[in-house]
Amino acid sequence: MIELTPDIIALSLLSGAIVGVFLGTFGGGGSVLAAPLLLYLVGVDDPHVAIGTSAAGVAAIALFSLFGHWRGGRVKWPCAIVFAMSGLIGSILGSSLAKITQGDVLLLGFAAAMAMIALSMFRKPKTAGDPDVTLTPRMVLQLAPIGLVVGLAAGFFGIGGGFLIVPGLMLAVGMTMANATASSLVSVSIFGAATSANYAMSGLVDGRLILLLLAGGALGGVVGILISKWLAGRLRTARLAFAVMILAVAGFVAVQAGQGIGLI
């Protein structure tokens, strides 16, 4: 395990704060950043330890941010629960497969998926979404398969999956960006917890770093919620900011992963 020097502690706290800001603001993105931050900023050597540890930290930070959105009445619980429960099995299967896959290969594939999702979000939506959306049997049939696939991807890549969950919820049930962002945190928490538990059974989780991520993430989550409230009436701005953030991280991860497997 990495030695907890003052510099490492400070960098771990900073990493948690960055994760918290993005999770609180966009309901995703923080989980995209968590493992790379542990690897390239904090200095964790094993990608699998970084993935398992970050999954636990992201799950807890997402849960913290979820409470703020819940109190604000932005979480569409029926839709969120169907999506999360259908993806739980997928996240367990995905993380089991990931443990036997080279870490840099996971990160490279993840970067490609991120880029495709980000590019799709630059398209202007046909509707701002329905703030009063209610769950119907037909919506359940749309949500469940999407949730299963997203859960599989989240577990395999060691992420909360918020960057996939938000557009997935908007596509399946037509909810607003603000509601999808808040509701996605339910799945981010569950997928992250399932993934980290799977990694922990193989000794690939550093509990000390989880606590530091949480400490930084608590503050970052509060800031993120405030930013999310400001963006609530600016749907187009929120979508573009989300997409730009994902593209930037995708490029960084692709370069780092490509160097790790000798492609660059």
Protein backbone atom coordinates (compact mmCIF):
# COMPACT_ATOMS: atom_id res chain seq x y z
CA MET A 1 0.00 0.00 0.00
CA ILE A 2 1.06 3.58 -0.64
CA GLU A 3 2.72 5.47 2.25
CA LEU A 4 0.53 8.25 3.63
CA THR A 5 2.93 11.19 3.63
CA PRO A 6 1.56 14.75 4.15
CA ASP A 7 1.71 15.31 0.39
CA ILE A 8 -0.21 12.12 -0.36
CA ILE A 9 -2.84 13.00 2.24
CA ALA A 10 -3.30 16.49 0.76
CA LEU A 11 -3.53 15.14 -2.80
CA SER A 12 -6.05 12.49 -1.71
CA LEU A 13 -8.21 15.15 -0.06
CA LEU A 14 -8.00 17.29 -3.19
CA SER A 15 -8.97 14.31 -5.34
CA GLY A 16 -12.02 13.68 -3.17
CA ALA A 17 -13.04 17.33 -3.42
CA ILE A 18 -12.82 17.25 -7.23
CA VAL A 19 -14.89 14.07 -7.33
CA GLY A 20 -17.48 15.59 -5.01
CA VAL A 21 -17.87 18.76 -7.07
CA PHE A 22 -18.55 16.86 -10.30
CA LEU A 23 -20.86 14.31 -8.68
CA GLY A 24 -22.85 17.03 -6.92
CA THR A 25 -23.11 19.10 -10.09
CA PHE A 26 -23.63 16.54 -12.84
CA GLY A 27 -24.52 13.31 -11.02
CA GLY A 28 -21.53 11.77 -12.80
CA GLY A 29 -18.08 12.65 -14.02
CA GLY A 30 -16.61 12.45 -10.56
CA SER A 31 -16.49 8.70 -10.88
CA VAL A 32 -14.76 9.15 -14.21
CA LEU A 33 -12.06 11.19 -12.51
CA ALA A 34 -11.60 9.21 -9.30
CA ALA A 35 -9.42 6.32 -10.51
CA PRO A 36 -7.20 8.49 -12.76
CA LEU A 37 -6.70 10.93 -9.87
CA LEU A 38 -5.59 8.12 -7.58
CA LEU A 39 -3.27 6.74 -10.25
CA TYR A 40 -1.74 9.90 -11.70
CA LEU A 41 -2.09 12.48 -8.92
CA VAL A 42 -1.96 10.50 -5.68
CA GLY A 43 0.44 7.88 -7.06
CA VAL A 44 -1.30 4.53 -6.53
CA ASP A 45 0.68 1.89 -8.46
CA ASP A 46 -1.94 -0.80 -9.18
CA PRO A 47 -4.82 0.26 -11.48
CA HIS A 48 -7.07 -2.36 -9.89
CA VAL A 49 -6.46 -0.94 -6.40
CA ALA A 50 -7.19 2.53 -7.76
CA ILE A 51 -10.41 1.30 -9.37
CA GLY A 52 -11.61 -0.66 -6.33
CA THR A 53 -10.77 2.15 -3.92
CA SER A 54 -12.24 4.90 -6.07
CA ALA A 55 -15.46 2.93 -6.53
CA ALA A 56 -15.99 2.86 -2.77
CA GLY A 57 -15.19 6.54 -2.39
CA VAL A 58 -17.43 7.53 -5.28
CA ALA A 59 -20.33 5.48 -3.90
CA ALA A 60 -20.16 7.22 -0.54
CA ILE A 61 -19.68 10.70 -2.00
CA ALA A 62 -22.61 10.13 -4.36
CA LEU A 63 -24.76 9.06 -1.42
CA PHE A 64 -23.85 12.27 0.41
CA SER A 65 -24.74 14.38 -2.63
CA LEU A 66 -27.96 12.41 -3.07
CA PHE A 67 -29.31 13.63 0.25
CA GLY A 68 -28.98 17.25 -0.85
CA HIS A 69 -30.82 16.59 -4.11
CA TRP A 70 -33.47 14.55 -2.24
CA ARG A 71 -34.18 17.45 0.09
CA GLY A 72 -34.48 19.70 -2.95
CA GLY A 73 -37.16 17.40 -4.40
CA ARG A 74 -35.24 16.66 -7.59
CA VAL A 75 -34.97 12.85 -7.27
CA LYS A 76 -37.56 10.83 -9.24
CA TRP A 77 -37.44 7.81 -6.94
CA PRO A 78 -39.53 5.25 -8.87
CA CYS A 79 -37.48 5.71 -12.04
CA ALA A 80 -34.20 5.85 -10.11
CA ILE A 81 -34.89 2.63 -8.19
CA VAL A 82 -35.90 0.62 -11.29
CA PHE A 83 -32.75 1.75 -13.07
CA ALA A 84 -30.49 1.01 -10.10
CA MET A 85 -31.90 -2.42 -9.28
CA SER A 86 -31.75 -3.59 -12.89
CA GLY A 87 -28.12 -2.50 -13.08
CA LEU A 88 -26.97 -4.04 -9.80
CA ILE A 89 -26.45 -7.53 -11.26
CA GLY A 90 -24.66 -6.02 -14.22
CA SER A 91 -22.23 -4.12 -11.98
CA ILE A 92 -21.31 -7.32 -10.11
CA LEU A 93 -20.70 -9.23 -13.34
CA GLY A 94 -18.77 -6.37 -14.88
CA SER A 95 -16.46 -5.88 -11.90
CA SER A 96 -15.75 -9.63 -11.74
CA LEU A 97 -14.61 -9.56 -15.36
CA ALA A 98 -12.58 -6.39 -14.80
CA LYS A 99 -10.51 -7.95 -12.03
CA ILE A 100 -8.96 -10.35 -14.54
CA THR A 101 -8.38 -7.67 -17.21
CA GLN A 102 -5.29 -5.47 -17.52
CA GLY A 103 -5.92 -2.08 -15.90
CA ASP A 104 -4.68 0.10 -18.76
CA VAL A 105 -6.82 -1.85 -21.22
CA LEU A 106 -9.87 -1.05 -19.08
CA LEU A 107 -8.98 2.63 -19.00
CA LEU A 108 -8.43 2.80 -22.76
CA GLY A 109 -11.80 1.25 -23.54
CA PHE A 110 -13.42 3.49 -20.98
CA ALA A 111 -11.94 6.59 -22.65
CA ALA A 112 -13.46 5.59 -26.00
CA ALA A 113 -16.89 5.08 -24.42
CA MET A 114 -16.66 8.44 -22.67
CA ALA A 115 -15.83 10.24 -25.91
CA MET A 116 -18.81 8.73 -27.74
CA ILE A 117 -21.21 9.67 -24.97
CA ALA A 118 -19.81 13.20 -24.78
CA LEU A 119 -20.12 13.77 -28.51
CA SER A 120 -23.73 12.58 -28.48
CA MET A 121 -24.57 15.14 -25.80
CA PHE A 122 -23.55 18.05 -28.01
CA ARG A 123 -26.72 17.51 -30.01
CA LYS A 124 -29.48 19.84 -28.91
CA PRO A 125 -32.31 17.86 -27.27
CA LYS A 126 -35.73 18.04 -28.91
CA THR A 127 -37.38 18.72 -25.57
CA ALA A 128 -36.35 20.16 -22.23
CA GLY A 129 -37.90 17.16 -20.54
CA ASP A 130 -40.91 16.64 -18.32
CA PRO A 131 -40.38 17.80 -14.71
CA ASP A 132 -43.52 15.88 -13.66
CA VAL A 133 -42.64 12.54 -15.25
CA THR A 134 -44.22 9.49 -13.57
CA LEU A 135 -43.22 5.85 -13.98
CA THR A 136 -45.39 3.67 -16.25
CA PRO A 137 -45.12 -0.06 -17.10
CA ARG A 138 -43.82 0.87 -20.54
CA MET A 139 -41.11 3.02 -18.99
CA VAL A 140 -40.07 0.10 -16.78
CA LEU A 141 -39.48 -1.99 -19.91
CA GLN A 142 -37.31 0.83 -21.27
CA LEU A 143 -35.40 1.52 -18.05
CA ALA A 144 -34.56 -2.07 -17.05
CA PRO A 145 -32.43 -3.12 -20.05
CA ILE A 146 -30.62 0.23 -20.15
CA GLY A 147 -29.92 -0.07 -16.44
CA LEU A 148 -28.54 -3.59 -16.87
CA VAL A 149 -26.14 -2.53 -19.64
CA VAL A 150 -25.02 0.60 -17.78
CA GLY A 151 -24.48 -1.42 -14.61
CA LEU A 152 -22.31 -3.88 -16.54
CA ALA A 153 -20.23 -1.03 -17.96
CA ALA A 154 -20.00 0.68 -14.58
CA GLY A 155 -18.74 -2.46 -12.91
CA PHE A 156 -16.34 -3.35 -15.71
CA PHE A 157 -14.74 0.08 -15.88
CA GLY A 158 -14.86 0.64 -12.13
CA ILE A 159 -16.98 3.80 -12.29
CA GLY A 160 -20.27 4.95 -10.86
CA GLY A 161 -21.65 5.27 -14.38
CA GLY A 162 -23.27 8.66 -13.92
CA PHE A 163 -22.11 9.86 -17.34
CA LEU A 164 -24.18 7.04 -18.86
CA ILE A 165 -27.03 7.07 -16.35
CA VAL A 166 -27.99 10.73 -16.88
CA PRO A 167 -28.55 10.49 -20.66
CA GLY A 168 -30.04 7.02 -20.15
CA LEU A 169 -32.72 8.37 -17.82
CA MET A 170 -33.43 11.30 -20.10
CA LEU A 171 -33.77 8.98 -23.10
CA ALA A 172 -35.88 6.29 -21.43
CA VAL A 173 -38.43 8.39 -19.54
CA GLY A 174 -38.00 11.95 -20.81
CA MET A 175 -37.11 13.57 -17.50
CA THR A 176 -35.27 16.88 -17.25
CA MET A 177 -31.50 17.18 -16.93
CA ALA A 178 -31.85 18.38 -13.33
CA ASN A 179 -34.03 15.41 -12.37
CA ALA A 180 -31.82 12.94 -14.25
CA THR A 181 -28.72 14.32 -12.54
CA ALA A 182 -30.25 13.95 -9.09
CA SER A 183 -31.83 10.56 -9.79
CA SER A 184 -28.62 9.14 -11.26
CA LEU A 185 -26.93 9.39 -7.86
CA VAL A 186 -29.04 6.47 -6.63
CA SER A 187 -27.45 4.21 -9.25
CA VAL A 188 -23.98 5.73 -8.80
CA SER A 189 -24.12 4.84 -5.09
CA ILE A 190 -25.34 1.28 -5.66
CA PHE A 191 -23.08 0.47 -8.60
CA GLY A 192 -20.03 1.88 -6.82
CA ALA A 193 -20.77 -0.04 -3.62
CA ALA A 194 -21.23 -3.32 -5.49
CA THR A 195 -18.04 -2.83 -7.49
CA SER A 196 -15.92 -1.89 -4.47
CA ALA A 197 -17.25 -4.83 -2.45
CA ASN A 198 -16.27 -7.18 -5.28
CA TYR A 199 -12.76 -5.71 -5.40
CA ALA A 200 -12.47 -5.75 -1.59
CA MET A 201 -13.01 -9.52 -1.59
CA SER A 202 -9.77 -9.74 -3.60
CA GLY A 203 -7.88 -7.33 -1.34
CA LEU A 204 -7.88 -4.56 -3.95
CA VAL A 205 -9.27 -1.71 -1.83
CA ASP A 206 -7.27 0.77 0.34
CA GLY A 207 -9.52 1.83 3.21
CA ARG A 208 -7.28 4.72 4.24
CA LEU A 209 -7.60 6.39 0.86
CA ILE A 210 -11.37 5.88 0.93
CA LEU A 211 -11.59 7.93 4.14
CA LEU A 212 -9.49 10.72 2.63
CA LEU A 213 -11.59 10.75 -0.54
CA LEU A 214 -14.71 11.00 1.58
CA ALA A 215 -13.37 13.88 3.64
CA GLY A 216 -12.55 15.89 0.53
CA GLY A 217 -15.67 14.75 -1.27
CA ALA A 218 -18.00 15.95 1.49
CA LEU A 219 -16.98 19.55 0.89
CA GLY A 220 -16.87 19.14 -2.86
CA GLY A 221 -20.36 17.63 -2.87
CA VAL A 222 -21.82 20.69 -1.12
CA VAL A 223 -20.23 22.97 -3.69
CA GLY A 224 -21.49 20.75 -6.49
CA ILE A 225 -25.07 20.85 -5.25
CA LEU A 226 -24.96 24.66 -5.20
CA ILE A 227 -23.64 24.66 -8.77
CA SER A 228 -26.37 22.21 -9.80
CA LYS A 229 -29.07 24.52 -8.45
CA TRP A 230 -27.63 27.37 -10.48
CA LEU A 231 -27.63 25.22 -13.61
CA ALA A 232 -31.18 23.89 -13.11
CA GLY A 233 -32.70 26.52 -15.40
CA ARG A 234 -29.87 26.36 -17.90
CA LEU A 235 -30.35 22.96 -19.50
CA ARG A 236 -28.29 23.62 -22.62
CA THR A 237 -25.41 25.07 -20.62
CA ALA A 238 -25.44 22.10 -18.27
CA ARG A 239 -25.39 19.59 -21.12
CA LEU A 240 -22.51 21.32 -22.89
CA ALA A 241 -20.48 21.67 -19.71
CA PHE A 242 -21.06 18.00 -18.94
CA ALA A 243 -20.00 16.97 -22.45
CA VAL A 244 -16.86 19.13 -22.44
CA MET A 245 -15.82 17.74 -19.09
CA ILE A 246 -16.25 14.15 -20.29
CA LEU A 247 -14.28 14.81 -23.50
CA ALA A 248 -11.40 16.38 -21.59
CA VAL A 249 -11.14 13.47 -19.18
CA ALA A 250 -11.46 10.96 -22.04
CA GLY A 251 -8.48 12.48 -23.80
CA PHE A 252 -6.35 12.45 -20.68
CA VAL A 253 -7.22 8.86 -19.78
CA ALA A 254 -6.64 7.68 -23.36
CA VAL A 255 -3.15 9.17 -23.46
CA GLN A 256 -2.17 7.74 -20.09
CA ALA A 257 -3.61 4.30 -20.84
CA GLY A 258 -2.05 4.25 -24.29
CA GLN A 259 1.35 4.94 -22.80
CA GLY A 260 0.78 2.17 -20.25
CA ILE A 261 0.24 -0.49 -22.91
CA GLY A 262 2.84 0.88 -25.33
CA LEU A 263 0.53 2.38 -27.96
CA ILE A 264 1.93 5.88 -27.45
